[in-house]
C-alpha cells in the first residue's frame, strides 16, 4: 500500500531505519503500517506514478 505521513509526523520505517518521505512510499500491508494508519501517523494515498496520466495517443502524435 502507498502511504504518506500526516502533517507534523515523522514515521520511521522499521526495516530501513529511515523516515518515511513526505511524498510517501510504498510499504507492505502488515500490522506495523496498519497500526500507523489507525493511530493517525500516516494516511493511505495513491502513488505519485498513479497520479500522472499516461496518454499513448499523445506519444504517437509526436
PDB file of N, CA and C in Angstrom:
ATOM      1  N   UNK A   1       0.843  -1.167   0.000  1.00  0.00           N
ATOM      2  CA  UNK A   1       0.000   0.000   0.000  1.00  0.00           C
ATOM      3  C   UNK A   1       0.891   1.235   0.000  1.00  0.00           C
ATOM      4  N   UNK A   2       0.376   2.329  -0.497  1.00  0.00           N
ATOM      5  CA  UNK A   2       1.136   3.573  -0.571  1.00  0.00           C
ATOM      6  C   UNK A   2       0.640   4.493   0.538  1.00  0.00           C
ATOM      7  N   UNK A   3       1.554   4.968   1.381  1.00  0.00           N
ATOM      8  CA  UNK A   3       1.176   5.837   2.498  1.00  0.00           C
ATOM      9  C   UNK A   3       2.048   7.085   2.532  1.00  0.00           C
ATOM     10  N   UNK A   4       1.480   8.138   3.110  1.00  0.00           N
ATOM     11  CA  UNK A   4       2.192   9.396   3.342  1.00  0.00           C
ATOM     12  C   UNK A   4       2.057   9.737   4.815  1.00  0.00           C
ATOM     13  N   UNK A   5       3.085  10.357   5.405  1.00  0.00           N
ATOM     14  CA  UNK A   5       2.945  10.762   6.805  1.00  0.00           C
ATOM     15  C   UNK A   5       1.969  11.926   6.918  1.00  0.00           C
ATOM     16  N   UNK A   6       1.204  11.959   7.987  1.00  0.00           N
ATOM     17  CA  UNK A   6       0.316  13.088   8.243  1.00  0.00           C
ATOM     18  C   UNK A   6       1.153  14.290   8.657  1.00  0.00           C
ATOM     19  N   UNK A   7       0.589  15.470   8.512  1.00  0.00           N
ATOM     20  CA  UNK A   7       1.306  16.717   8.806  1.00  0.00           C
ATOM     21  C   UNK A   7       1.877  16.698  10.225  1.00  0.00           C
ATOM     22  N   UNK A   8       3.151  17.041  10.320  1.00  0.00           N
ATOM     23  CA  UNK A   8       3.811  17.129  11.612  1.00  0.00           C
ATOM     24  C   UNK A   8       4.277  15.803  12.185  1.00  0.00           C
ATOM     25  N   UNK A   9       4.147  14.731  11.420  1.00  0.00           N
ATOM     26  CA  UNK A   9       4.539  13.408  11.907  1.00  0.00           C
ATOM     27  C   UNK A   9       5.797  12.923  11.207  1.00  0.00           C
ATOM     28  N   UNK A  10       6.687  12.325  11.966  1.00  0.00           N
ATOM     29  CA  UNK A  10       7.847  11.631  11.429  1.00  0.00           C
ATOM     30  C   UNK A  10       7.664  10.166  11.760  1.00  0.00           C
ATOM     31  N   UNK A  11       7.648   9.335  10.734  1.00  0.00           N
ATOM     32  CA  UNK A  11       7.422   7.903  10.929  1.00  0.00           C
ATOM     33  C   UNK A  11       8.627   7.159  10.382  1.00  0.00           C
ATOM     34  N   UNK A  12       9.270   6.401  11.244  1.00  0.00           N
ATOM     35  CA  UNK A  12      10.460   5.655  10.844  1.00  0.00           C
ATOM     36  C   UNK A  12      10.056   4.287  10.294  1.00  0.00           C
ATOM     37  N   UNK A  13      10.627   3.935   9.147  1.00  0.00           N
ATOM     38  CA  UNK A  13      10.416   2.618   8.559  1.00  0.00           C
ATOM     39  C   UNK A  13      11.162   1.612   9.432  1.00  0.00           C
ATOM     40  N   UNK A  14      10.479   0.599   9.959  1.00  0.00           N
ATOM     41  CA  UNK A  14      11.139  -0.328  10.880  1.00  0.00           C
ATOM     42  C   UNK A  14      12.191  -1.211  10.217  1.00  0.00           C
ATOM     43  N   UNK A  15      12.127  -1.381   8.915  1.00  0.00           N
ATOM     44  CA  UNK A  15      13.092  -2.228   8.210  1.00  0.00           C
ATOM     45  C   UNK A  15      14.309  -1.412   7.771  1.00  0.00           C
ATOM     46  N   UNK A  16      14.062  -0.280   7.132  1.00  0.00           N
ATOM     47  CA  UNK A  16      15.151   0.547   6.606  1.00  0.00           C
ATOM     48  C   UNK A  16      15.796   1.419   7.667  1.00  0.00           C
ATOM     49  N   UNK A  17      15.014   1.819   8.669  1.00  0.00           N
ATOM     50  CA  UNK A  17      15.529   2.717   9.700  1.00  0.00           C
ATOM     51  C   UNK A  17      15.495   4.174   9.296  1.00  0.00           C
ATOM     52  N   UNK A  18      14.934   4.475   8.125  1.00  0.00           N
ATOM     53  CA  UNK A  18      14.851   5.853   7.650  1.00  0.00           C
ATOM     54  C   UNK A  18      13.425   6.360   7.845  1.00  0.00           C
ATOM     55  N   UNK A  19      13.286   7.688   7.808  1.00  0.00           N
ATOM     56  CA  UNK A  19      11.958   8.270   7.941  1.00  0.00           C
ATOM     57  C   UNK A  19      11.203   8.163   6.630  1.00  0.00           C
ATOM     58  N   UNK A  20       9.910   7.973   6.739  1.00  0.00           N
ATOM     59  CA  UNK A  20       9.028   7.937   5.574  1.00  0.00           C
ATOM     60  C   UNK A  20       9.060   9.313   4.921  1.00  0.00           C
ATOM     61  N   UNK A  21       9.352   9.396   3.611  1.00  0.00           N
ATOM     62  CA  UNK A  21       9.399  10.706   2.958  1.00  0.00           C
ATOM     63  C   UNK A  21       8.028  11.381   2.938  1.00  0.00           C
ATOM     64  N   UNK A  22       8.022  12.715   2.934  1.00  0.00           N
ATOM     65  CA  UNK A  22       6.766  13.473   2.898  1.00  0.00           C
ATOM     66  C   UNK A  22       5.949  13.158   1.655  1.00  0.00           C
ATOM     67  N   UNK A  23       6.624  12.783   0.579  1.00  0.00           N
ATOM     68  CA  UNK A  23       5.934  12.451  -0.668  1.00  0.00           C
ATOM     69  C   UNK A  23       5.299  11.070  -0.616  1.00  0.00           C
ATOM     70  N   UNK A  24       5.623  10.297   0.411  1.00  0.00           N
ATOM     71  CA  UNK A  24       5.046   8.975   0.577  1.00  0.00           C
ATOM     72  C   UNK A  24       5.911   7.877   0.007  1.00  0.00           C
ATOM     73  N   UNK A  25       5.488   6.652   0.273  1.00  0.00           N
ATOM     74  CA  UNK A  25       6.276   5.496  -0.150  1.00  0.00           C
ATOM     75  C   UNK A  25       5.398   4.256  -0.121  1.00  0.00           C
ATOM     76  N   UNK A  26       5.712   3.310  -0.981  1.00  0.00           N
ATOM     77  CA  UNK A  26       5.037   2.019  -0.999  1.00  0.00           C
ATOM     78  C   UNK A  26       5.581   1.200   0.172  1.00  0.00           C
ATOM     79  N   UNK A  27       4.674   0.698   1.009  1.00  0.00           N
ATOM     80  CA  UNK A  27       5.070  -0.083   2.178  1.00  0.00           C
ATOM     81  C   UNK A  27       4.263  -1.371   2.196  1.00  0.00           C
ATOM     82  N   UNK A  28       4.754  -2.391   2.912  1.00  0.00           N
ATOM     83  CA  UNK A  28       3.986  -3.637   2.994  1.00  0.00           C
ATOM     84  C   UNK A  28       2.717  -3.450   3.822  1.00  0.00           C
ATOM     85  N   UNK A  29       1.689  -4.190   3.469  1.00  0.00           N
ATOM     86  CA  UNK A  29       0.430  -4.141   4.211  1.00  0.00           C
ATOM     87  C   UNK A  29       0.553  -5.124   5.376  1.00  0.00           C
ATOM     88  N   UNK A  30       1.179  -4.645   6.458  1.00  0.00           N
ATOM     89  CA  UNK A  30       1.369  -5.513   7.621  1.00  0.00           C
ATOM     90  C   UNK A  30       0.868  -4.810   8.888  1.00  0.00           C
ATOM     91  N   UNK A  31       0.997  -5.469  10.019  1.00  0.00           N
ATOM     92  CA  UNK A  31       0.443  -4.938  11.266  1.00  0.00           C
ATOM     93  C   UNK A  31       1.091  -3.615  11.676  1.00  0.00           C
ATOM     94  N   UNK A  32       2.385  -3.437  11.406  1.00  0.00           N
ATOM     95  CA  UNK A  32       3.048  -2.179  11.771  1.00  0.00           C
ATOM     96  C   UNK A  32       2.399  -1.003  11.055  1.00  0.00           C
ATOM     97  N   UNK A  33       2.259  -1.103   9.733  1.00  0.00           N
ATOM     98  CA  UNK A  33       1.710   0.017   8.955  1.00  0.00           C
ATOM     99  C   UNK A  33       0.220   0.184   9.182  1.00  0.00           C
ATOM    100  N   UNK A  34      -0.512  -0.897   9.454  1.00  0.00           N
ATOM    101  CA  UNK A  34      -1.931  -0.758   9.790  1.00  0.00           C
ATOM    102  C   UNK A  34      -2.108  -0.032  11.122  1.00  0.00           C
ATOM    103  N   UNK A  35      -1.192  -0.281  12.078  1.00  0.00           N
ATOM    104  CA  UNK A  35      -1.244   0.460  13.351  1.00  0.00           C
ATOM    105  C   UNK A  35      -0.946   1.925  13.134  1.00  0.00           C
ATOM    106  N   UNK A  36       0.013   2.233  12.245  1.00  0.00           N
ATOM    107  CA  UNK A  36       0.322   3.641  11.958  1.00  0.00           C
ATOM    108  C   UNK A  36      -0.898   4.333  11.362  1.00  0.00           C
ATOM    109  N   UNK A  37      -1.638   3.632  10.499  1.00  0.00           N
ATOM    110  CA  UNK A  37      -2.875   4.183   9.930  1.00  0.00           C
ATOM    111  C   UNK A  37      -3.899   4.427  11.031  1.00  0.00           C
ATOM    112  N   UNK A  38      -4.112   3.430  11.883  1.00  0.00           N
ATOM    113  CA  UNK A  38      -5.101   3.524  12.954  1.00  0.00           C
ATOM    114  C   UNK A  38      -4.757   4.648  13.928  1.00  0.00           C
ATOM    115  N   UNK A  39      -3.461   4.823  14.226  1.00  0.00           N
ATOM    116  CA  UNK A  39      -3.020   5.851  15.176  1.00  0.00           C
ATOM    117  C   UNK A  39      -2.983   7.249  14.566  1.00  0.00           C
ATOM    118  N   UNK A  40      -3.178   7.350  13.240  1.00  0.00           N
ATOM    119  CA  UNK A  40      -3.191   8.653  12.591  1.00  0.00           C
ATOM    120  C   UNK A  40      -1.814   9.187  12.234  1.00  0.00           C
ATOM    121  N   UNK A  41      -0.812   8.312  12.255  1.00  0.00           N
ATOM    122  CA  UNK A  41       0.537   8.740  11.895  1.00  0.00           C
ATOM    123  C   UNK A  41       0.712   8.876  10.382  1.00  0.00           C
ATOM    124  N   UNK A  42       0.009   8.028   9.633  1.00  0.00           N
ATOM    125  CA  UNK A  42       0.091   8.050   8.175  1.00  0.00           C
ATOM    126  C   UNK A  42      -1.313   7.991   7.597  1.00  0.00           C
ATOM    127  N   UNK A  43      -1.397   8.266   6.296  1.00  0.00           N
ATOM    128  CA  UNK A  43      -2.662   8.146   5.580  1.00  0.00           C
ATOM    129  C   UNK A  43      -2.413   7.415   4.274  1.00  0.00           C
ATOM    130  N   UNK A  44      -3.389   6.612   3.861  1.00  0.00           N
ATOM    131  CA  UNK A  44      -3.279   5.932   2.566  1.00  0.00           C
ATOM    132  C   UNK A  44      -3.395   6.974   1.476  1.00  0.00           C
ATOM    133  N   UNK A  45      -2.656   6.762   0.409  1.00  0.00           N
ATOM    134  CA  UNK A  45      -2.661   7.692  -0.706  1.00  0.00           C
ATOM    135  C   UNK A  45      -2.414   6.913  -1.982  1.00  0.00           C
ATOM    136  N   UNK A  46      -2.614   7.576  -3.090  1.00  0.00           N
ATOM    137  CA  UNK A  46      -2.242   6.985  -4.374  1.00  0.00           C
ATOM    138  C   UNK A  46      -0.800   7.351  -4.644  1.00  0.00           C
ATOM    139  N   UNK A  47      -0.071   6.450  -5.261  1.00  0.00           N
ATOM    140  CA  UNK A  47       1.330   6.725  -5.562  1.00  0.00           C
ATOM    141  C   UNK A  47       1.436   7.856  -6.575  1.00  0.00           C
ATOM    142  N   UNK A  48       2.550   8.548  -6.545  1.00  0.00           N
ATOM    143  CA  UNK A  48       2.772   9.656  -7.474  1.00  0.00           C
ATOM    144  C   UNK A  48       2.673   9.180  -8.921  1.00  0.00           C
ATOM    145  N   UNK A  49       3.166   7.994  -9.217  1.00  0.00           N
ATOM    146  CA  UNK A  49       3.109   7.495 -10.592  1.00  0.00           C
ATOM    147  C   UNK A  49       1.678   7.206 -11.020  1.00  0.00           C
ATOM    148  N   UNK A  50       0.808   6.862 -10.081  1.00  0.00           N
ATOM    149  CA  UNK A  50      -0.593   6.599 -10.413  1.00  0.00           C
ATOM    150  C   UNK A  50      -1.342   7.894 -10.696  1.00  0.00           C
ATOM    151  N   UNK A  51      -0.832   9.019 -10.207  1.00  0.00           N
ATOM    152  CA  UNK A  51      -1.495  10.295 -10.420  1.00  0.00           C
ATOM    153  C   UNK A  51      -1.160  10.921 -11.762  1.00  0.00           C
ATOM    154  N   UNK A  52      -0.106  10.459 -12.408  1.00  0.00           N
ATOM    155  CA  UNK A  52       0.307  11.007 -13.694  1.00  0.00           C
ATOM    156  C   UNK A  52      -0.366  10.203 -14.802  1.00  0.00           C
ATOM    157  N   UNK A  53      -1.278  10.837 -15.529  1.00  0.00           N
ATOM    158  CA  UNK A  53      -1.960  10.091 -16.597  1.00  0.00           C
ATOM    159  C   UNK A  53      -1.003   9.795 -17.762  1.00  0.00           C
ATOM    160  N   UNK A  54      -1.132   8.613 -18.291  1.00  0.00           N
ATOM    161  CA  UNK A  54      -0.327   8.239 -19.446  1.00  0.00           C
ATOM    162  C   UNK A  54      -1.257   8.161 -20.641  1.00  0.00           C
ATOM    163  N   UNK A  55      -1.001   8.968 -21.636  1.00  0.00           N
ATOM    164  CA  UNK A  55      -1.843   9.005 -22.825  1.00  0.00           C
ATOM    165  C   UNK A  55      -1.005   8.554 -24.008  1.00  0.00           C
ATOM    166  N   UNK A  56      -1.208   7.340 -24.453  1.00  0.00           N
ATOM    167  CA  UNK A  56      -0.415   6.776 -25.538  1.00  0.00           C
ATOM    168  C   UNK A  56      -0.680   7.498 -26.848  1.00  0.00           C
ATOM    169  N   UNK A  57      -1.857   8.110 -27.007  1.00  0.00           N
ATOM    170  CA  UNK A  57      -2.161   8.793 -28.265  1.00  0.00           C
ATOM    171  C   UNK A  57      -1.299  10.044 -28.410  1.00  0.00           C
ATOM    172  N   UNK A  58      -0.986  10.719 -27.295  1.00  0.00           N
ATOM    173  CA  UNK A  58      -0.120  11.895 -27.356  1.00  0.00           C
ATOM    174  C   UNK A  58       1.279  11.512 -27.814  1.00  0.00           C
ATOM    175  N   UNK A  59       1.791  10.379 -27.335  1.00  0.00           N
ATOM    176  CA  UNK A  59       3.136   9.945 -27.715  1.00  0.00           C
ATOM    177  C   UNK A  59       3.201   9.555 -29.186  1.00  0.00           C
ATOM    178  N   UNK A  60       2.108   8.966 -29.688  1.00  0.00           N
ATOM    179  CA  UNK A  60       2.130   8.519 -31.083  1.00  0.00           C
ATOM    180  C   UNK A  60       2.017   9.683 -32.061  1.00  0.00           C
ATOM    181  N   UNK A  61       1.518  10.844 -31.609  1.00  0.00           N
ATOM    182  CA  UNK A  61       1.381  12.003 -32.474  1.00  0.00           C
ATOM    183  C   UNK A  61       2.706  12.696 -32.711  1.00  0.00           C
ATOM    184  N   UNK A  62       3.656  12.487 -31.814  1.00  0.00           N
ATOM    185  CA  UNK A  62       4.950  13.192 -31.926  1.00  0.00           C
ATOM    186  C   UNK A  62       5.886  12.540 -32.876  1.00  0.00           C
TER     187      UNK A  62
END
